[in-house]
C-alpha cells in the first residue's frame, strides 16, 4: 500500500466532504479505514491519521502565514 497516496486521498476527502471531516475529527481511525477500504491494524492506520493531521495543519499554518506577508 502506498501510504503517501492514501494520506493524500484522505486529506482531499477531509477538505471536500464536511461530514467526513467531522467523522475524521471524532473517529479518525474508522474514517481512514472507510476511505482505504481495508481493516488494518490500528498502529498502521495511525500512521496515515498522523500524516493527514500533519498535512492539514501545515496547510492551515501556511494559509495564516501567507496572510501576514501579503500575496504577490
Protein backbone atom coordinates (compact mmCIF):
# COMPACT_ATOMS: atom_id res chain seq x y z
CA UNK A 1 0.00 0.00 0.00
CA UNK A 2 1.25 3.47 -0.89
CA UNK A 3 0.77 5.30 2.42
CA UNK A 4 1.58 8.72 0.91
CA UNK A 5 -1.15 8.25 -1.70
CA UNK A 6 -3.64 7.17 0.98
CA UNK A 7 -2.74 10.23 3.09
CA UNK A 8 -3.37 12.48 0.08
CA UNK A 9 -6.67 10.70 -0.62
CA UNK A 10 -7.86 11.19 2.97
CA UNK A 11 -6.70 14.83 3.03
CA UNK A 12 -8.72 15.54 -0.12
CA UNK A 13 -11.79 13.86 1.36
CA UNK A 14 -11.45 15.82 4.62
CA UNK A 15 -11.17 19.10 2.70
CA UNK A 16 -14.07 18.38 0.34
CA UNK A 17 -16.58 16.45 2.49
CA UNK A 18 -17.79 18.17 5.65
CA UNK A 19 -19.49 15.05 7.04
CA UNK A 20 -16.32 13.04 6.54
CA UNK A 21 -14.24 15.82 8.14
CA UNK A 22 -16.45 15.61 11.22
CA UNK A 23 -16.06 11.83 11.31
CA UNK A 24 -12.28 12.17 10.93
CA UNK A 25 -12.21 14.54 13.92
CA UNK A 26 -14.25 12.22 16.13
CA UNK A 27 -13.09 8.78 14.92
CA UNK A 28 -10.01 9.19 12.74
CA UNK A 29 -9.04 5.52 12.56
CA UNK A 30 -12.54 4.41 11.49
CA UNK A 31 -12.72 7.27 8.99
CA UNK A 32 -9.40 6.30 7.40
CA UNK A 33 -10.40 2.64 7.21
CA UNK A 34 -13.59 3.73 5.45
CA UNK A 35 -11.56 5.52 2.75
CA UNK A 36 -8.90 2.85 2.26
CA UNK A 37 -11.49 0.06 2.32
CA UNK A 38 -9.30 -2.26 4.36
CA UNK A 39 -9.30 -3.11 8.06
CA UNK A 40 -5.67 -2.71 9.08
CA UNK A 41 -4.01 -2.81 12.50
CA UNK A 42 -4.62 0.44 14.37
CA UNK A 43 -0.90 1.26 14.53
CA UNK A 44 -0.68 1.14 10.73
CA UNK A 45 -3.79 3.29 10.31
CA UNK A 46 -2.46 5.70 12.95
CA UNK A 47 0.49 6.49 10.65
CA UNK A 48 -1.99 7.59 7.99
CA UNK A 49 -4.00 9.57 10.56
CA UNK A 50 -0.82 11.34 11.71
CA UNK A 51 0.15 12.11 8.12
CA UNK A 52 -3.28 13.56 7.37
CA UNK A 53 -3.23 15.71 10.52
CA UNK A 54 0.25 16.98 9.63
CA UNK A 55 -0.80 17.94 6.09
CA UNK A 56 -3.97 19.64 7.28
CA UNK A 57 -2.10 21.58 9.98
CA UNK A 58 0.69 22.58 7.61
CA UNK A 59 -1.89 23.89 5.14
CA UNK A 60 -3.64 25.86 7.86
CA UNK A 61 -0.42 27.39 9.13
CA UNK A 62 0.77 28.23 5.63
CA UNK A 63 -2.53 29.95 4.85
CA UNK A 64 -2.32 32.04 8.02
CA UNK A 65 1.31 32.99 7.40
CA UNK A 66 0.53 33.92 3.81
CA UNK A 67 -1.95 36.46 5.11
CA UNK A 68 0.74 38.04 7.27
CA UNK A 69 3.07 38.73 4.40
CA UNK A 70 0.55 39.56 1.70
CA UNK A 71 0.26 37.91 -1.65
CA UNK A 72 2.21 38.93 -4.70
